[in-house]
């Protein structure tokens, strides 16, 4: 795998990526913050077509290399750019959001809210919210779920675990239509 220190820290565990792919509806998923490609690879391994976006071209080089190692690069379209600008222009069945949590420092926060994401989680949801697409968002285990209740939409929360350790939460918001 092609990884740097930041990518190694933020890369999703394989079993979580595959389970998230199984839970994500549809055959075409946008991975809005693909990083080194762990989740995009999981979606592609489960037979989905993926549009993988990252702001940093060097991350896309890593993601493409890693997808090639898993034999799924042909199922992923890699796009360099700002996800907030690109999301409204892409048609898909689902949008997967795993925005930056702020590096290792995030774990020191007793509570994590939408305002802790960079860019703001509120701006991310605004750009990604379309009634014809499901949203799937991976958040820290200390995320304040009241943030999703305020949206007034039904949602399901799945715990992402490695053995007994709680790694993160995956929040599923179905299509509105």
C-alpha atoms as a PDB file:
ATOM      1  CA  UNK A   1       0.000   0.000   0.000  1.00  0.00           C
ATOM      2  CA  UNK A   2       1.115   3.551  -0.674  1.00  0.00           C
ATOM      3  CA  UNK A   3       0.668   5.598   2.515  1.00  0.00           C
ATOM      4  CA  UNK A   4       2.248   8.503   4.304  1.00  0.00           C
ATOM      5  CA  UNK A   5       1.976   9.184   8.072  1.00  0.00           C
ATOM      6  CA  UNK A   6      -1.338  11.054   7.777  1.00  0.00           C
ATOM      7  CA  UNK A   7      -2.852   8.455   5.469  1.00  0.00           C
ATOM      8  CA  UNK A   8      -1.715   5.610   7.722  1.00  0.00           C
ATOM      9  CA  UNK A   9      -3.371   7.288  10.687  1.00  0.00           C
ATOM     10  CA  UNK A  10      -6.679   7.954   8.927  1.00  0.00           C
ATOM     11  CA  UNK A  11      -6.980   4.825   6.763  1.00  0.00           C
ATOM     12  CA  UNK A  12     -10.132   2.855   7.464  1.00  0.00           C
ATOM     13  CA  UNK A  13      -9.838  -0.731   8.681  1.00  0.00           C
ATOM     14  CA  UNK A  14     -10.586  -3.206   5.867  1.00  0.00           C
ATOM     15  CA  UNK A  15     -13.455  -4.950   7.670  1.00  0.00           C
ATOM     16  CA  UNK A  16     -15.117  -1.581   8.391  1.00  0.00           C
ATOM     17  CA  UNK A  17     -14.709  -0.460   4.763  1.00  0.00           C
ATOM     18  CA  UNK A  18     -16.300  -3.649   3.457  1.00  0.00           C
ATOM     19  CA  UNK A  19     -19.179  -3.583   5.944  1.00  0.00           C
ATOM     20  CA  UNK A  20     -19.835   0.096   5.172  1.00  0.00           C
ATOM     21  CA  UNK A  21     -19.931  -0.799   1.485  1.00  0.00           C
ATOM     22  CA  UNK A  22     -22.465  -3.531   2.225  1.00  0.00           C
ATOM     23  CA  UNK A  23     -24.670  -1.043   4.119  1.00  0.00           C
ATOM     24  CA  UNK A  24     -24.447   1.699   1.493  1.00  0.00           C
ATOM     25  CA  UNK A  25     -27.352   1.626  -0.973  1.00  0.00           C
ATOM     26  CA  UNK A  26     -27.010   1.669  -4.729  1.00  0.00           C
ATOM     27  CA  UNK A  27     -24.393   0.793  -7.297  1.00  0.00           C
ATOM     28  CA  UNK A  28     -22.652   4.190  -7.625  1.00  0.00           C
ATOM     29  CA  UNK A  29     -21.089   5.860  -4.576  1.00  0.00           C
ATOM     30  CA  UNK A  30     -19.241   9.156  -4.275  1.00  0.00           C
ATOM     31  CA  UNK A  31     -16.405   9.031  -1.725  1.00  0.00           C
ATOM     32  CA  UNK A  32     -16.073  12.752  -1.067  1.00  0.00           C
ATOM     33  CA  UNK A  33     -12.836  12.679   0.969  1.00  0.00           C
ATOM     34  CA  UNK A  34     -11.103   9.573  -0.354  1.00  0.00           C
ATOM     35  CA  UNK A  35      -7.611  10.091   1.052  1.00  0.00           C
ATOM     36  CA  UNK A  36      -5.487   7.005   0.361  1.00  0.00           C
ATOM     37  CA  UNK A  37      -8.551   5.149  -0.910  1.00  0.00           C
ATOM     38  CA  UNK A  38      -9.462   2.641   1.803  1.00  0.00           C
ATOM     39  CA  UNK A  39     -13.215   3.213   1.681  1.00  0.00           C
ATOM     40  CA  UNK A  40     -13.300   3.672  -2.104  1.00  0.00           C
ATOM     41  CA  UNK A  41     -11.509   0.341  -2.451  1.00  0.00           C
ATOM     42  CA  UNK A  42     -14.041  -1.277  -0.087  1.00  0.00           C
ATOM     43  CA  UNK A  43     -16.942   0.019  -2.190  1.00  0.00           C
ATOM     44  CA  UNK A  44     -15.296  -1.172  -5.415  1.00  0.00           C
ATOM     45  CA  UNK A  45     -14.517  -4.594  -3.933  1.00  0.00           C
ATOM     46  CA  UNK A  46     -18.228  -4.953  -3.226  1.00  0.00           C
ATOM     47  CA  UNK A  47     -19.023  -4.281  -6.886  1.00  0.00           C
ATOM     48  CA  UNK A  48     -19.925  -0.612  -6.688  1.00  0.00           C
ATOM     49  CA  UNK A  49     -18.789   2.071  -9.101  1.00  0.00           C
ATOM     50  CA  UNK A  50     -17.013   4.835  -7.188  1.00  0.00           C
ATOM     51  CA  UNK A  51     -16.276   8.486  -7.803  1.00  0.00           C
ATOM     52  CA  UNK A  52     -13.413   9.284  -5.414  1.00  0.00           C
ATOM     53  CA  UNK A  53     -12.684  12.934  -4.668  1.00  0.00           C
ATOM     54  CA  UNK A  54      -9.763  14.442  -2.813  1.00  0.00           C
ATOM     55  CA  UNK A  55      -8.401  17.944  -2.621  1.00  0.00           C
ATOM     56  CA  UNK A  56      -4.807  16.714  -2.695  1.00  0.00           C
ATOM     57  CA  UNK A  57      -3.503  15.180  -5.935  1.00  0.00           C
ATOM     58  CA  UNK A  58      -0.818  13.253  -4.008  1.00  0.00           C
ATOM     59  CA  UNK A  59      -3.580  11.467  -2.086  1.00  0.00           C
ATOM     60  CA  UNK A  60      -5.221  10.480  -5.364  1.00  0.00           C
ATOM     61  CA  UNK A  61      -1.901   9.042  -6.580  1.00  0.00           C
ATOM     62  CA  UNK A  62      -1.817   6.907  -3.407  1.00  0.00           C
ATOM     63  CA  UNK A  63      -5.484   5.930  -3.787  1.00  0.00           C
ATOM     64  CA  UNK A  64      -5.047   4.923  -7.431  1.00  0.00           C
ATOM     65  CA  UNK A  65      -1.933   2.875  -6.592  1.00  0.00           C
ATOM     66  CA  UNK A  66      -3.737   1.153  -3.707  1.00  0.00           C
ATOM     67  CA  UNK A  67      -6.817   0.456  -5.835  1.00  0.00           C
ATOM     68  CA  UNK A  68      -4.549  -1.110  -8.448  1.00  0.00           C
ATOM     69  CA  UNK A  69      -3.075  -3.418  -5.786  1.00  0.00           C
ATOM     70  CA  UNK A  70      -6.598  -4.633  -4.988  1.00  0.00           C
ATOM     71  CA  UNK A  71      -7.524  -4.970  -8.673  1.00  0.00           C
ATOM     72  CA  UNK A  72     -10.357  -2.427  -8.539  1.00  0.00           C
ATOM     73  CA  UNK A  73      -8.856   0.736 -10.085  1.00  0.00           C
ATOM     74  CA  UNK A  74     -11.074   0.286 -13.142  1.00  0.00           C
ATOM     75  CA  UNK A  75     -14.191   0.687 -10.927  1.00  0.00           C
ATOM     76  CA  UNK A  76     -13.041   4.036  -9.483  1.00  0.00           C
ATOM     77  CA  UNK A  77     -13.000   7.463 -11.125  1.00  0.00           C
ATOM     78  CA  UNK A  78     -10.506   9.703  -9.316  1.00  0.00           C
ATOM     79  CA  UNK A  79     -11.259  13.444  -9.210  1.00  0.00           C
ATOM     80  CA  UNK A  80      -8.959  16.120  -7.801  1.00  0.00           C
ATOM     81  CA  UNK A  81     -10.773  19.061  -6.297  1.00  0.00           C
ATOM     82  CA  UNK A  82     -12.868  20.487  -3.524  1.00  0.00           C
ATOM     83  CA  UNK A  83     -15.634  18.061  -2.594  1.00  0.00           C
ATOM     84  CA  UNK A  84     -17.951  20.883  -1.526  1.00  0.00           C
ATOM     85  CA  UNK A  85     -17.795  22.324  -5.046  1.00  0.00           C
ATOM     86  CA  UNK A  86     -17.899  18.997  -6.890  1.00  0.00           C
ATOM     87  CA  UNK A  87     -20.643  17.176  -4.958  1.00  0.00           C
ATOM     88  CA  UNK A  88     -23.565  19.153  -6.433  1.00  0.00           C
ATOM     89  CA  UNK A  89     -22.372  18.269  -9.950  1.00  0.00           C
ATOM     90  CA  UNK A  90     -22.223  14.472  -9.554  1.00  0.00           C
ATOM     91  CA  UNK A  91     -25.148  12.073  -9.861  1.00  0.00           C
ATOM     92  CA  UNK A  92     -24.882   8.883  -7.800  1.00  0.00           C
ATOM     93  CA  UNK A  93     -26.953   6.641  -5.538  1.00  0.00           C
ATOM     94  CA  UNK A  94     -25.095   7.477  -2.321  1.00  0.00           C
ATOM     95  CA  UNK A  95     -22.524   9.896  -0.973  1.00  0.00           C
ATOM     96  CA  UNK A  96     -19.983   8.663   1.557  1.00  0.00           C
ATOM     97  CA  UNK A  97     -18.501  11.303   3.826  1.00  0.00           C
ATOM     98  CA  UNK A  98     -15.446  10.733   6.002  1.00  0.00           C
ATOM     99  CA  UNK A  99     -14.167  14.299   6.347  1.00  0.00           C
ATOM    100  CA  UNK A 100     -10.914  15.070   8.170  1.00  0.00           C
ATOM    101  CA  UNK A 101     -11.236  14.785  11.946  1.00  0.00           C
ATOM    102  CA  UNK A 102      -8.170  16.912  12.710  1.00  0.00           C
ATOM    103  CA  UNK A 103      -5.486  14.255  13.037  1.00  0.00           C
ATOM    104  CA  UNK A 104      -4.539  12.519  16.296  1.00  0.00           C
ATOM    105  CA  UNK A 105      -5.660  15.547  18.310  1.00  0.00           C
ATOM    106  CA  UNK A 106      -9.313  14.643  17.670  1.00  0.00           C
ATOM    107  CA  UNK A 107      -9.075  11.870  20.275  1.00  0.00           C
ATOM    108  CA  UNK A 108      -8.445  14.445  23.006  1.00  0.00           C
ATOM    109  CA  UNK A 109     -11.895  15.964  22.485  1.00  0.00           C
ATOM    110  CA  UNK A 110     -14.442  14.548  24.919  1.00  0.00           C
ATOM    111  CA  UNK A 111     -17.203  15.474  22.432  1.00  0.00           C
ATOM    112  CA  UNK A 112     -16.983  15.839  18.690  1.00  0.00           C
ATOM    113  CA  UNK A 113     -19.485  18.005  16.793  1.00  0.00           C
ATOM    114  CA  UNK A 114     -20.053  19.172  13.230  1.00  0.00           C
ATOM    115  CA  UNK A 115     -17.987  22.270  14.001  1.00  0.00           C
ATOM    116  CA  UNK A 116     -14.922  20.101  14.694  1.00  0.00           C
ATOM    117  CA  UNK A 117     -14.642  18.896  11.087  1.00  0.00           C
ATOM    118  CA  UNK A 118     -12.505  20.727   8.546  1.00  0.00           C
ATOM    119  CA  UNK A 119     -14.302  21.941   6.500  1.00  0.00           C
ATOM    120  CA  UNK A 120     -17.344  22.438   8.732  1.00  0.00           C
ATOM    121  CA  UNK A 121     -19.604  19.408   8.956  1.00  0.00           C
ATOM    122  CA  UNK A 122     -22.593  21.661   8.390  1.00  0.00           C
ATOM    123  CA  UNK A 123     -21.130  22.922   5.097  1.00  0.00           C
ATOM    124  CA  UNK A 124     -20.326  19.350   4.097  1.00  0.00           C
ATOM    125  CA  UNK A 125     -23.876  18.152   4.770  1.00  0.00           C
ATOM    126  CA  UNK A 126     -25.327  21.149   2.960  1.00  0.00           C
ATOM    127  CA  UNK A 127     -23.254  20.374  -0.147  1.00  0.00           C
ATOM    128  CA  UNK A 128     -24.007  16.645   0.034  1.00  0.00           C
ATOM    129  CA  UNK A 129     -27.695  16.705   0.949  1.00  0.00           C
ATOM    130  CA  UNK A 130     -29.793  15.808  -2.052  1.00  0.00           C
ATOM    131  CA  UNK A 131     -33.157  14.101  -1.696  1.00  0.00           C
ATOM    132  CA  UNK A 132     -32.361  11.520  -4.382  1.00  0.00           C
ATOM    133  CA  UNK A 133     -29.174  10.247  -2.711  1.00  0.00           C
ATOM    134  CA  UNK A 134     -28.483   8.447   0.534  1.00  0.00           C
ATOM    135  CA  UNK A 135     -25.798   9.869   2.815  1.00  0.00           C
ATOM    136  CA  UNK A 136     -23.347   7.740   4.752  1.00  0.00           C
ATOM    137  CA  UNK A 137     -21.048   9.574   7.155  1.00  0.00           C
ATOM    138  CA  UNK A 138     -18.224   8.143   9.230  1.00  0.00           C
ATOM    139  CA  UNK A 139     -17.706  10.095  12.443  1.00  0.00           C
ATOM    140  CA  UNK A 140     -15.536   9.749  15.575  1.00  0.00           C
ATOM    141  CA  UNK A 141     -16.806   7.498  18.343  1.00  0.00           C
ATOM    142  CA  UNK A 142     -17.299  10.586  20.567  1.00  0.00           C
ATOM    143  CA  UNK A 143     -19.527  12.305  18.001  1.00  0.00           C
ATOM    144  CA  UNK A 144     -22.549  14.097  19.425  1.00  0.00           C
ATOM    145  CA  UNK A 145     -25.406  12.270  17.647  1.00  0.00           C
ATOM    146  CA  UNK A 146     -27.822  15.055  18.593  1.00  0.00           C
ATOM    147  CA  UNK A 147     -26.288  16.854  15.598  1.00  0.00           C
ATOM    148  CA  UNK A 148     -28.031  14.353  13.292  1.00  0.00           C
ATOM    149  CA  UNK A 149     -31.302  14.465  15.242  1.00  0.00           C
ATOM    150  CA  UNK A 150     -31.461  18.197  14.547  1.00  0.00           C
ATOM    151  CA  UNK A 151     -31.553  17.484  10.808  1.00  0.00           C
ATOM    152  CA  UNK A 152     -35.057  16.100  11.206  1.00  0.00           C
ATOM    153  CA  UNK A 153     -34.269  13.081   9.025  1.00  0.00           C
ATOM    154  CA  UNK A 154     -34.356   9.442  10.017  1.00  0.00           C
ATOM    155  CA  UNK A 155     -30.931   7.891  10.469  1.00  0.00           C
ATOM    156  CA  UNK A 156     -29.298   4.696  11.648  1.00  0.00           C
ATOM    157  CA  UNK A 157     -26.014   4.437  13.541  1.00  0.00           C
ATOM    158  CA  UNK A 158     -23.663   1.477  13.185  1.00  0.00           C
ATOM    159  CA  UNK A 159     -20.686   1.022  15.481  1.00  0.00           C
ATOM    160  CA  UNK A 160     -17.400   0.410  13.677  1.00  0.00           C
ATOM    161  CA  UNK A 161     -15.403  -2.032  15.780  1.00  0.00           C
ATOM    162  CA  UNK A 162     -12.151  -3.908  15.562  1.00  0.00           C
ATOM    163  CA  UNK A 163     -12.690  -6.736  17.996  1.00  0.00           C
ATOM    164  CA  UNK A 164     -13.946  -5.087  21.177  1.00  0.00           C
ATOM    165  CA  UNK A 165     -12.518  -1.650  20.355  1.00  0.00           C
ATOM    166  CA  UNK A 166     -14.966   0.995  19.155  1.00  0.00           C
ATOM    167  CA  UNK A 167     -13.197   2.824  16.310  1.00  0.00           C
ATOM    168  CA  UNK A 168     -15.876   5.111  14.899  1.00  0.00           C
ATOM    169  CA  UNK A 169     -19.555   5.395  14.053  1.00  0.00           C
ATOM    170  CA  UNK A 170     -21.150   5.168  10.634  1.00  0.00           C
ATOM    171  CA  UNK A 171     -24.349   7.164  10.266  1.00  0.00           C
ATOM    172  CA  UNK A 172     -26.738   6.179   7.459  1.00  0.00           C
ATOM    173  CA  UNK A 173     -29.304   8.706   6.197  1.00  0.00           C
ATOM    174  CA  UNK A 174     -31.606   7.192   3.548  1.00  0.00           C
ATOM    175  CA  UNK A 175     -32.837   8.955   0.434  1.00  0.00           C
ATOM    176  CA  UNK A 176     -35.655  11.381   1.051  1.00  0.00           C
ATOM    177  CA  UNK A 177     -37.637  10.409  -2.059  1.00  0.00           C
END
